[in-house]
C-alpha atoms as a PDB file:
ATOM      1  CA  MET A   1       3.121  -1.397  28.609  1.00  0.00           C
ATOM      2  CA  ASN A   2       3.701  -4.297  26.210  1.00  0.00           C
ATOM      3  CA  GLN A   3      -0.009  -5.050  26.137  1.00  0.00           C
ATOM      4  CA  LYS A   4      -0.776  -1.469  25.046  1.00  0.00           C
ATOM      5  CA  ILE A   5       1.786  -1.674  22.249  1.00  0.00           C
ATOM      6  CA  LEU A   6       0.391  -4.999  21.040  1.00  0.00           C
ATOM      7  CA  TRP A   7      -3.156  -3.627  21.167  1.00  0.00           C
ATOM      8  CA  PHE A   8      -2.095  -0.562  19.171  1.00  0.00           C
ATOM      9  CA  LEU A   9      -0.373  -2.722  16.545  1.00  0.00           C
ATOM     10  CA  PHE A  10      -3.430  -4.962  16.307  1.00  0.00           C
ATOM     11  CA  VAL A  11      -5.691  -1.949  15.717  1.00  0.00           C
ATOM     12  CA  VAL A  12      -3.339  -0.472  13.095  1.00  0.00           C
ATOM     13  CA  VAL A  13      -2.972  -3.745  11.183  1.00  0.00           C
ATOM     14  CA  THR A  14      -6.723  -4.394  11.295  1.00  0.00           C
ATOM     15  CA  ALA A  15      -7.516  -0.872  10.077  1.00  0.00           C
ATOM     16  CA  TYR A  16      -4.997  -1.185   7.251  1.00  0.00           C
ATOM     17  CA  GLY A  17      -6.468  -4.528   6.239  1.00  0.00           C
ATOM     18  CA  ALA A  18      -9.993  -3.105   6.140  1.00  0.00           C
ATOM     19  CA  TRP A  19      -8.852  -0.058   4.161  1.00  0.00           C
ATOM     20  CA  SER A  20      -6.949  -2.259   1.720  1.00  0.00           C
ATOM     21  CA  PHE A  21      -9.943  -4.546   1.194  1.00  0.00           C
ATOM     22  CA  PHE A  22     -12.393  -1.721   0.496  1.00  0.00           C
ATOM     23  CA  VAL A  23     -10.044   0.214  -1.803  1.00  0.00           C
ATOM     24  CA  ALA A  24      -9.114  -2.874  -3.802  1.00  0.00           C
ATOM     25  CA  SER A  25     -12.714  -4.062  -4.112  1.00  0.00           C
ATOM     26  CA  ARG A  26     -13.899  -0.631  -5.273  1.00  0.00           C
ATOM     27  CA  TYR A  27     -11.488  -0.595  -8.221  1.00  0.00           C
ATOM     28  CA  GLN A  28     -12.169  -4.258  -8.965  1.00  0.00           C
ATOM     29  CA  SER A  29     -15.932  -3.818  -9.092  1.00  0.00           C
ATOM     30  CA  LEU A  30     -15.957  -0.503 -10.955  1.00  0.00           C
ATOM     31  CA  CYS A  31     -13.190  -0.962 -13.521  1.00  0.00           C
ATOM     32  CA  GLN A  32     -12.198  -4.652 -13.302  1.00  0.00           C
ATOM     33  CA  LEU A  33      -8.613  -3.850 -12.390  1.00  0.00           C
ATOM     34  CA  SER A  34      -6.392  -4.539  -9.446  1.00  0.00           C
ATOM     35  CA  TYR A  35      -5.470  -1.542  -7.314  1.00  0.00           C
ATOM     36  CA  TRP A  36      -2.086  -3.029  -6.483  1.00  0.00           C
ATOM     37  CA  SER A  37      -0.964  -3.811 -10.041  1.00  0.00           C
ATOM     38  CA  SER A  38      -2.570  -0.938 -11.980  1.00  0.00           C
ATOM     39  CA  THR A  39      -0.733   2.114 -13.242  1.00  0.00           C
ATOM     40  CA  ASP A  40      -1.478   5.608 -11.980  1.00  0.00           C
ATOM     41  CA  ALA A  41      -3.117   6.456 -15.307  1.00  0.00           C
ATOM     42  CA  GLN A  42      -5.496   3.485 -15.023  1.00  0.00           C
ATOM     43  CA  LEU A  43      -6.445   4.451 -11.470  1.00  0.00           C
ATOM     44  CA  ARG A  44      -7.066   8.078 -12.475  1.00  0.00           C
ATOM     45  CA  ALA A  45      -9.249   6.937 -15.385  1.00  0.00           C
ATOM     46  CA  CYS A  46     -11.257   4.778 -13.005  1.00  0.00           C
ATOM     47  CA  ASP A  47     -11.626   7.696 -10.583  1.00  0.00           C
ATOM     48  CA  GLU A  48     -12.868   9.885 -13.448  1.00  0.00           C
ATOM     49  CA  LEU A  49     -15.392   7.209 -14.406  1.00  0.00           C
ATOM     50  CA  GLN A  50     -16.627   7.096 -10.829  1.00  0.00           C
ATOM     51  CA  THR A  51     -16.985  10.903 -10.782  1.00  0.00           C
ATOM     52  CA  GLU A  52     -18.976  10.796 -14.027  1.00  0.00           C
ATOM     53  CA  LEU A  53     -21.289   8.113 -12.659  1.00  0.00           C
ATOM     54  CA  ARG A  54     -21.960  10.078  -9.470  1.00  0.00           C
ATOM     55  CA  GLY A  55     -22.816  13.181 -11.493  1.00  0.00           C
ATOM     56  CA  LYS A  56     -25.582  11.451 -13.436  1.00  0.00           C
END
């Protein structure tokens, strides 16, 4: 039982770490800003820029 709980926690923490890395690196490479310290307006502007670039 304890081994299953530890395995589940390991998978959750690893998945969160991977998600965090890819989200943060996307905003860093596209808009040169940190996902964790940016405002909502800055993140929305970056998302709009990404949408514009995909449309072209």
